[in-house]
Amino acid sequence: MSNQIDESYVRQNIPDTGDFEGSKEFLEPNNAYAQEPPNRSLALDGYLWWNNLSVSYEGGTRLLVDNQPLRASQVEFYIDDLSWQYALNGPRITDPWGNGQQAPGDWFVPGMLQFGIIIFQSNSWWGRVDRGINRKAIQRPGEDILFNVNDKRGTYGDNGGSFDLYLKVLS
């Protein structure tokens, strides 16, 4: 799908970050535990690895390190091995930008990319996940960091597949 997405459209029309407006209902997230990356040089560079993060939890996935929620003020990360489907037999999503279209109002993050990956903190802020290496300043460093795909609320249960996350804490 990545060759069909208009990069200039995404960069001009999809915000890099935003705030959740008002009080949204956030479901309990799934937990994922950090592992040492299979590539030794990534481990030496400070990256942690979350293997096969699920795309079927509407509450997203909370990142854990040593059984504690990951908290930081700035992170660097990238997505790898991304392959998932919505609606069980929907088209395969292989790009962090999903299908490259803007999500309507009944989605987890309206105005963000449909089926795109997001980094977020519950009832606080969200950030678009771009292709390649991402650097994000975390809005509330004392709160849990979560990842998810942007899908229509109430429809996450029919998603299948996963993605890998490589992340290092910068501060």
Protein backbone atom coordinates (compact mmCIF):
# COMPACT_ATOMS: atom_id res chain seq x y z
CA MET A 1 0.00 0.00 0.00
CA SER A 2 2.85 2.42 0.64
CA ASN A 3 3.38 3.19 -3.05
CA GLN A 4 -0.27 4.32 -3.32
CA ILE A 5 -0.10 6.89 -0.52
CA ASP A 6 0.45 10.50 -1.52
CA GLU A 7 3.24 11.63 0.82
CA SER A 8 2.69 15.34 0.13
CA TYR A 9 -1.01 14.96 1.04
CA VAL A 10 -0.11 13.30 4.36
CA ARG A 11 2.54 15.89 5.27
CA GLN A 12 0.25 18.83 4.36
CA ASN A 13 -3.10 17.57 5.69
CA ILE A 14 -2.50 15.15 8.55
CA PRO A 15 -1.28 16.72 11.80
CA ASP A 16 1.94 15.42 13.33
CA THR A 17 0.47 15.59 16.86
CA GLY A 18 -2.75 16.62 18.53
CA ASP A 19 -4.71 16.56 21.75
CA PHE A 20 -7.67 14.35 22.51
CA GLU A 21 -10.49 16.85 22.67
CA GLY A 22 -12.76 16.55 25.66
CA SER A 23 -13.00 13.41 27.70
CA LYS A 24 -12.87 10.24 25.63
CA GLU A 25 -13.60 6.82 26.99
CA PHE A 26 -10.39 4.80 26.96
CA LEU A 27 -10.55 1.04 27.28
CA GLU A 28 -8.00 -0.90 29.29
CA PRO A 29 -4.91 -1.42 27.14
CA ASN A 30 -3.07 -4.62 26.39
CA ASN A 31 0.42 -4.91 27.92
CA ALA A 32 3.55 -5.70 25.90
CA TYR A 33 6.95 -6.46 27.40
CA ALA A 34 10.22 -5.14 26.00
CA GLN A 35 12.82 -7.60 24.79
CA GLU A 36 16.40 -7.26 23.65
CA PRO A 37 16.42 -6.73 19.87
CA PRO A 38 17.50 -9.72 17.78
CA ASN A 39 20.10 -7.47 16.12
CA ARG A 40 22.94 -6.99 18.63
CA SER A 41 23.99 -3.59 17.20
CA LEU A 42 20.48 -2.21 17.90
CA ALA A 43 20.74 -3.40 21.49
CA LEU A 44 24.14 -1.75 21.85
CA ASP A 45 22.63 1.47 20.46
CA GLY A 46 20.01 1.44 23.24
CA TYR A 47 16.96 0.16 21.37
CA LEU A 48 14.35 -2.06 22.97
CA TRP A 49 12.10 -4.33 20.94
CA TRP A 50 8.40 -5.09 21.23
CA ASN A 51 7.65 -8.06 19.00
CA ASN A 52 4.26 -8.59 17.33
CA LEU A 53 2.25 -5.75 18.90
CA SER A 54 -1.43 -6.53 18.50
CA VAL A 55 -3.77 -4.43 16.37
CA SER A 56 -6.99 -5.83 17.87
CA TYR A 57 -7.20 -3.96 21.23
CA GLU A 58 -9.16 -0.73 21.05
CA GLY A 59 -7.38 0.45 24.22
CA GLY A 60 -4.00 0.11 22.50
CA THR A 61 -0.84 -1.47 23.86
CA ARG A 62 0.98 -0.18 26.93
CA LEU A 63 4.76 -0.57 26.65
CA LEU A 64 6.41 -2.23 29.64
CA VAL A 65 10.11 -2.34 30.54
CA ASP A 66 11.12 -4.58 33.44
CA ASN A 67 7.39 -5.04 34.23
CA GLN A 68 6.92 -1.25 34.61
CA PRO A 69 5.17 1.14 32.20
CA LEU A 70 7.58 2.96 29.91
CA ARG A 71 7.77 6.64 30.76
CA ALA A 72 10.05 9.17 29.07
CA SER A 73 10.19 12.76 27.88
CA GLN A 74 11.59 12.00 24.41
CA VAL A 75 11.77 8.77 22.40
CA GLU A 76 13.12 7.61 19.07
CA PHE A 77 11.46 4.67 17.36
CA TYR A 78 10.58 2.91 14.14
CA ILE A 79 8.11 0.29 12.98
CA ASP A 80 9.14 -2.97 11.34
CA ASP A 81 7.43 -6.15 10.13
CA LEU A 82 4.10 -4.35 9.76
CA SER A 83 1.34 -6.51 8.32
CA TRP A 84 -2.29 -6.49 9.42
CA GLN A 85 -5.84 -6.56 8.12
CA TYR A 86 -9.04 -4.94 9.28
CA ALA A 87 -12.45 -6.62 8.85
CA LEU A 88 -10.78 -10.06 8.77
CA ASN A 89 -10.49 -10.13 4.99
CA GLY A 90 -9.81 -6.46 4.34
CA PRO A 91 -6.78 -5.27 2.41
CA ARG A 92 -3.40 -5.90 4.01
CA ILE A 93 -1.92 -2.80 5.70
CA THR A 94 1.88 -2.65 5.41
CA ASP A 95 2.54 1.08 5.83
CA PRO A 96 2.58 3.05 9.14
CA TRP A 97 0.36 5.57 7.34
CA GLY A 98 -2.41 2.98 6.89
CA ASN A 99 -4.35 3.71 3.72
CA GLY A 100 -3.23 7.36 3.57
CA GLN A 101 -6.74 8.79 3.98
CA GLN A 102 -8.00 11.04 6.76
CA ALA A 103 -10.17 9.37 9.42
CA PRO A 104 -13.74 10.63 10.03
CA GLY A 105 -15.24 11.57 13.41
CA ASP A 106 -16.16 8.07 14.63
CA TRP A 107 -12.55 6.84 14.62
CA PHE A 108 -10.17 6.53 17.58
CA VAL A 109 -8.32 9.67 16.42
CA PRO A 110 -10.50 11.64 13.98
CA GLY A 111 -8.45 13.60 11.46
CA MET A 112 -5.49 11.23 11.72
CA LEU A 113 -4.69 8.57 9.13
CA GLN A 114 -7.16 5.72 8.66
CA PHE A 115 -5.48 2.48 9.82
CA GLY A 116 -2.26 4.40 10.57
CA ILE A 117 -0.15 3.71 13.64
CA ILE A 118 -0.31 6.20 16.50
CA ILE A 119 1.65 6.82 19.68
CA PHE A 120 -0.50 8.24 22.47
CA GLN A 121 -1.22 8.84 26.12
CA SER A 122 -4.80 8.27 27.33
CA ASN A 123 -6.90 11.44 27.57
CA SER A 124 -3.88 13.52 26.68
CA TRP A 125 -2.19 13.64 23.27
CA TRP A 126 -1.49 11.53 20.19
CA GLY A 127 1.21 11.55 17.54
CA ARG A 128 1.35 10.36 13.95
CA VAL A 129 3.84 7.57 13.33
CA ASP A 130 5.80 8.22 10.15
CA ARG A 131 7.81 5.96 7.92
CA GLY A 132 11.42 5.48 9.00
CA ILE A 133 12.82 6.81 12.26
CA ASN A 134 10.50 8.95 14.40
CA ARG A 135 11.44 11.28 17.26
CA LYS A 136 8.67 12.40 19.56
CA ALA A 137 8.61 14.64 22.59
CA ILE A 138 6.23 13.05 25.08
CA GLN A 139 3.64 15.55 26.33
CA ARG A 140 3.28 14.05 29.82
CA PRO A 141 6.56 12.29 30.74
CA GLY A 142 5.10 10.81 33.94
CA GLU A 143 2.35 8.88 32.14
CA ASP A 144 2.30 5.59 30.25
CA ILE A 145 3.22 5.50 26.55
CA LEU A 146 0.93 3.48 24.30
CA PHE A 147 0.76 2.49 20.63
CA ASN A 148 -2.20 1.49 18.50
CA VAL A 149 -3.63 1.55 15.01
CA ASN A 150 -6.28 4.14 14.17
CA ASP A 151 -9.52 2.32 13.42
CA LYS A 152 -13.23 2.99 13.72
CA ARG A 153 -14.30 2.79 17.37
CA GLY A 154 -15.93 -0.52 18.23
CA THR A 155 -14.41 -2.45 15.31
CA TYR A 156 -10.98 -3.49 16.60
CA GLY A 157 -12.08 -7.06 17.36
CA ASP A 158 -12.02 -8.14 13.71
CA ASN A 159 -8.45 -6.93 13.12
CA GLY A 160 -5.67 -9.45 12.60
CA GLY A 161 -1.90 -9.14 12.32
CA SER A 162 0.74 -7.15 14.13
CA PHE A 163 3.79 -4.91 13.93
CA ASP A 164 7.18 -4.73 15.63
CA LEU A 165 8.36 -1.64 17.47
CA TYR A 166 11.99 -0.67 18.06
CA LEU A 167 12.31 2.20 20.54
CA LYS A 168 14.98 3.91 22.58
CA VAL A 169 14.52 6.48 25.29
CA LEU A 170 16.39 9.71 24.54
CA SER A 171 15.46 11.43 27.82
